[in-house]
């Protein structure tokens, strides 16, 4: 309960309890990226350059990341927006 005045006004109570839950068991969502997402070739090269500092057990993950020349770096996109 809260009051921002110094008068004898009664406080109001607000019930914040959930009234019920939505049944999510019947909802089927398709994968957003069924083939996975790709990163830019430059970003993958940078990640592979860091392999000497990454434990060998994780190397297969980094080498299997998909790259695509059509994917742009987010930093490049932000630079384009700033220049407009």
N, C-alpha and C. Protein backbone atom coordinates (compact mmCIF):
# COMPACT_ATOMS: atom_id res chain seq x y z
N UNK A 1 0.84 -1.18 0.00
CA UNK A 1 0.00 0.00 0.00
C UNK A 1 0.88 1.23 0.00
N UNK A 2 0.40 2.25 -0.68
CA UNK A 2 1.22 3.43 -0.88
C UNK A 2 0.33 4.67 -0.90
N UNK A 3 0.83 5.74 -0.33
CA UNK A 3 0.13 7.01 -0.39
C UNK A 3 1.17 8.11 -0.52
N UNK A 4 0.91 9.08 -1.40
CA UNK A 4 1.86 10.18 -1.54
C UNK A 4 1.33 11.46 -0.89
N UNK A 5 0.23 11.35 -0.18
CA UNK A 5 -0.32 12.50 0.53
C UNK A 5 -0.35 12.21 2.02
N UNK A 6 -0.38 13.25 2.80
CA UNK A 6 -0.38 13.09 4.26
C UNK A 6 -1.78 13.25 4.84
N UNK A 7 -2.77 12.87 4.12
CA UNK A 7 -4.14 12.95 4.62
C UNK A 7 -4.59 11.58 5.07
N UNK A 8 -5.77 11.52 5.64
CA UNK A 8 -6.29 10.26 6.16
C UNK A 8 -7.11 9.53 5.09
N UNK A 9 -6.69 9.58 3.87
CA UNK A 9 -7.37 8.89 2.78
C UNK A 9 -7.04 7.40 2.90
N UNK A 10 -8.05 6.56 2.71
CA UNK A 10 -7.84 5.12 2.79
C UNK A 10 -7.00 4.64 1.61
N UNK A 11 -6.18 3.65 1.88
CA UNK A 11 -5.37 3.05 0.83
C UNK A 11 -6.22 2.13 -0.02
N UNK A 12 -5.82 1.97 -1.26
CA UNK A 12 -6.48 1.00 -2.13
C UNK A 12 -5.61 -0.23 -2.24
N UNK A 13 -6.22 -1.39 -2.22
CA UNK A 13 -5.50 -2.65 -2.37
C UNK A 13 -5.62 -3.11 -3.81
N UNK A 14 -4.52 -3.60 -4.34
CA UNK A 14 -4.50 -4.12 -5.70
C UNK A 14 -4.08 -5.58 -5.62
N UNK A 15 -4.87 -6.45 -6.22
CA UNK A 15 -4.57 -7.88 -6.22
C UNK A 15 -3.69 -8.19 -7.42
N UNK A 16 -2.45 -8.62 -7.18
CA UNK A 16 -1.50 -8.90 -8.24
C UNK A 16 -1.33 -10.39 -8.51
N UNK A 17 -2.21 -11.21 -7.96
CA UNK A 17 -2.12 -12.65 -8.16
C UNK A 17 -2.55 -13.00 -9.58
N UNK A 18 -1.97 -14.08 -10.09
CA UNK A 18 -2.38 -14.59 -11.39
C UNK A 18 -3.80 -15.11 -11.29
N UNK A 19 -4.57 -14.89 -12.31
CA UNK A 19 -5.95 -15.37 -12.30
C UNK A 19 -6.06 -16.75 -12.91
N UNK A 20 -5.10 -17.15 -13.63
CA UNK A 20 -5.13 -18.46 -14.28
C UNK A 20 -3.94 -18.58 -15.20
N UNK A 21 -3.72 -19.75 -15.68
CA UNK A 21 -2.60 -19.93 -16.59
C UNK A 21 -3.12 -20.40 -17.95
N UNK A 22 -2.41 -20.04 -18.97
CA UNK A 22 -2.77 -20.44 -20.32
C UNK A 22 -2.15 -21.80 -20.61
N UNK A 23 -2.95 -22.69 -21.16
CA UNK A 23 -2.46 -24.02 -21.50
C UNK A 23 -1.64 -23.94 -22.78
N UNK A 24 -0.34 -24.19 -22.67
CA UNK A 24 0.56 -24.08 -23.82
C UNK A 24 0.88 -25.44 -24.43
N UNK A 25 0.28 -26.51 -23.95
CA UNK A 25 0.64 -27.84 -24.44
C UNK A 25 0.16 -28.10 -25.86
N UNK A 26 -0.92 -27.45 -26.30
CA UNK A 26 -1.44 -27.69 -27.64
C UNK A 26 -0.81 -26.84 -28.72
N UNK A 27 0.07 -25.94 -28.35
CA UNK A 27 0.68 -25.03 -29.33
C UNK A 27 1.92 -25.67 -29.92
N UNK A 28 1.97 -25.72 -31.26
CA UNK A 28 3.15 -26.27 -31.94
C UNK A 28 3.80 -25.16 -32.74
N UNK A 29 5.03 -24.86 -32.43
CA UNK A 29 5.77 -23.83 -33.14
C UNK A 29 6.77 -24.47 -34.10
N UNK A 30 6.81 -23.95 -35.31
CA UNK A 30 7.81 -24.41 -36.27
C UNK A 30 9.13 -23.70 -35.96
N UNK A 31 10.26 -24.37 -36.20
CA UNK A 31 11.55 -23.73 -35.96
C UNK A 31 11.68 -22.46 -36.79
N UNK A 32 12.20 -21.42 -36.18
CA UNK A 32 12.37 -20.15 -36.88
C UNK A 32 13.44 -20.26 -37.96
N UNK A 33 14.51 -21.00 -37.66
CA UNK A 33 15.60 -21.21 -38.61
C UNK A 33 15.84 -22.71 -38.73
N UNK A 34 15.09 -23.43 -39.56
CA UNK A 34 15.23 -24.88 -39.63
C UNK A 34 16.61 -25.35 -40.06
N UNK A 35 17.30 -24.56 -40.88
CA UNK A 35 18.64 -24.94 -41.33
C UNK A 35 19.73 -24.26 -40.51
N UNK A 36 19.36 -23.56 -39.47
CA UNK A 36 20.33 -22.83 -38.66
C UNK A 36 20.62 -21.47 -39.26
N UNK A 37 21.29 -20.65 -38.51
CA UNK A 37 21.67 -19.33 -39.00
C UNK A 37 23.13 -19.34 -39.41
N UNK A 38 23.49 -18.42 -40.27
CA UNK A 38 24.87 -18.28 -40.72
C UNK A 38 25.45 -16.98 -40.18
N UNK A 39 26.77 -16.94 -40.09
CA UNK A 39 27.46 -15.71 -39.71
C UNK A 39 28.30 -15.27 -40.91
N UNK A 40 28.79 -14.06 -40.86
CA UNK A 40 29.60 -13.57 -41.98
C UNK A 40 30.93 -14.33 -42.03
N UNK A 41 31.51 -14.37 -43.21
CA UNK A 41 32.81 -15.04 -43.39
C UNK A 41 33.88 -14.38 -42.53
N UNK A 42 33.83 -13.05 -42.43
CA UNK A 42 34.83 -12.33 -41.63
C UNK A 42 34.72 -12.71 -40.16
N UNK A 43 33.48 -12.83 -39.66
CA UNK A 43 33.28 -13.18 -38.26
C UNK A 43 33.78 -14.60 -37.98
N UNK A 44 33.51 -15.53 -38.91
CA UNK A 44 33.98 -16.90 -38.71
C UNK A 44 35.51 -16.94 -38.73
N UNK A 45 36.12 -16.18 -39.62
CA UNK A 45 37.58 -16.13 -39.67
C UNK A 45 38.13 -15.63 -38.33
N UNK A 46 37.51 -14.58 -37.79
CA UNK A 46 37.95 -14.05 -36.50
C UNK A 46 37.81 -15.09 -35.39
N UNK A 47 36.71 -15.84 -35.40
CA UNK A 47 36.51 -16.88 -34.39
C UNK A 47 37.56 -17.98 -34.53
N UNK A 48 37.85 -18.38 -35.77
CA UNK A 48 38.85 -19.43 -35.98
C UNK A 48 40.25 -18.95 -35.60
N UNK A 49 40.51 -17.65 -35.73
CA UNK A 49 41.79 -17.10 -35.30
C UNK A 49 41.96 -17.21 -33.78
N UNK A 50 40.86 -17.31 -33.06
CA UNK A 50 40.90 -17.40 -31.59
C UNK A 50 41.01 -18.84 -31.09
N UNK A 51 41.00 -19.81 -31.99
CA UNK A 51 41.06 -21.22 -31.57
C UNK A 51 42.25 -21.56 -30.67
N UNK A 52 43.43 -20.95 -30.84
CA UNK A 52 44.52 -21.28 -29.92
C UNK A 52 44.21 -20.95 -28.45
N UNK A 53 43.24 -20.08 -28.23
CA UNK A 53 42.90 -19.68 -26.87
C UNK A 53 41.67 -20.41 -26.33
N UNK A 54 41.08 -21.26 -27.17
CA UNK A 54 39.87 -22.00 -26.81
C UNK A 54 40.25 -23.45 -26.56
N UNK A 55 39.72 -24.08 -25.50
CA UNK A 55 40.04 -25.48 -25.24
C UNK A 55 39.70 -26.36 -26.44
N UNK A 56 40.56 -27.32 -26.76
CA UNK A 56 40.36 -28.17 -27.95
C UNK A 56 39.02 -28.89 -27.99
N UNK A 57 38.44 -29.16 -26.86
CA UNK A 57 37.16 -29.87 -26.85
C UNK A 57 36.06 -29.07 -27.56
N UNK A 58 36.22 -27.75 -27.66
CA UNK A 58 35.22 -26.89 -28.30
C UNK A 58 35.56 -26.54 -29.75
N UNK A 59 36.69 -26.95 -30.25
CA UNK A 59 37.12 -26.59 -31.61
C UNK A 59 36.13 -27.06 -32.68
N UNK A 60 35.58 -28.25 -32.52
CA UNK A 60 34.66 -28.77 -33.53
C UNK A 60 33.41 -27.90 -33.64
N UNK A 61 32.97 -27.32 -32.53
CA UNK A 61 31.82 -26.42 -32.58
C UNK A 61 32.13 -25.21 -33.44
N UNK A 62 33.28 -24.59 -33.20
CA UNK A 62 33.63 -23.37 -33.93
C UNK A 62 33.93 -23.64 -35.40
N UNK A 63 34.52 -24.78 -35.71
CA UNK A 63 34.81 -25.07 -37.11
C UNK A 63 33.55 -25.47 -37.88
N UNK A 64 32.51 -25.92 -37.18
CA UNK A 64 31.28 -26.33 -37.86
C UNK A 64 30.26 -25.20 -38.01
N UNK A 65 30.56 -24.02 -37.51
CA UNK A 65 29.64 -22.89 -37.66
C UNK A 65 29.51 -22.55 -39.15
N UNK A 66 28.27 -22.36 -39.59
CA UNK A 66 28.02 -22.03 -41.00
C UNK A 66 28.34 -20.56 -41.25
N UNK A 67 29.00 -20.31 -42.37
CA UNK A 67 29.26 -18.93 -42.77
C UNK A 67 28.69 -18.71 -44.16
N UNK A 68 28.42 -17.45 -44.45
CA UNK A 68 27.80 -17.10 -45.72
C UNK A 68 28.29 -15.71 -46.10
N UNK A 69 28.76 -15.57 -47.32
CA UNK A 69 29.27 -14.28 -47.78
C UNK A 69 28.17 -13.23 -47.88
N UNK A 70 26.92 -13.66 -48.00
CA UNK A 70 25.81 -12.71 -48.11
C UNK A 70 25.41 -12.11 -46.76
N UNK A 71 25.87 -12.72 -45.67
CA UNK A 71 25.53 -12.21 -44.33
C UNK A 71 26.44 -11.05 -44.01
N UNK A 72 25.84 -9.95 -43.57
CA UNK A 72 26.62 -8.76 -43.23
C UNK A 72 26.88 -8.71 -41.74
N UNK A 73 28.00 -8.14 -41.35
CA UNK A 73 28.29 -7.93 -39.95
C UNK A 73 27.34 -6.89 -39.38
N UNK A 74 26.90 -7.07 -38.16
CA UNK A 74 26.01 -6.11 -37.52
C UNK A 74 26.71 -4.77 -37.38
N UNK A 75 27.99 -4.77 -37.11
CA UNK A 75 28.74 -3.52 -36.96
C UNK A 75 28.70 -2.74 -38.27
N UNK A 76 28.85 -3.44 -39.40
CA UNK A 76 28.78 -2.77 -40.70
C UNK A 76 27.41 -2.15 -40.92
N UNK A 77 26.35 -2.85 -40.52
CA UNK A 77 25.00 -2.35 -40.69
C UNK A 77 24.80 -1.10 -39.84
N UNK A 78 25.29 -1.11 -38.59
CA UNK A 78 25.17 0.05 -37.72
C UNK A 78 25.92 1.24 -38.30
N UNK A 79 27.09 1.00 -38.90
CA UNK A 79 27.85 2.08 -39.53
C UNK A 79 27.06 2.69 -40.68
N UNK A 80 26.37 1.84 -41.46
CA UNK A 80 25.57 2.34 -42.57
C UNK A 80 24.42 3.22 -42.06
N UNK A 81 23.82 2.83 -40.96
CA UNK A 81 22.72 3.61 -40.39
C UNK A 81 23.23 4.96 -39.90
N UNK A 82 24.38 4.97 -39.24
CA UNK A 82 24.95 6.21 -38.71
C UNK A 82 25.31 7.18 -39.83
N UNK A 83 25.69 6.66 -40.99
CA UNK A 83 26.12 7.52 -42.10
C UNK A 83 24.94 8.13 -42.86
N UNK A 84 23.74 7.63 -42.64
CA UNK A 84 22.56 8.15 -43.36
C UNK A 84 22.09 9.48 -42.82
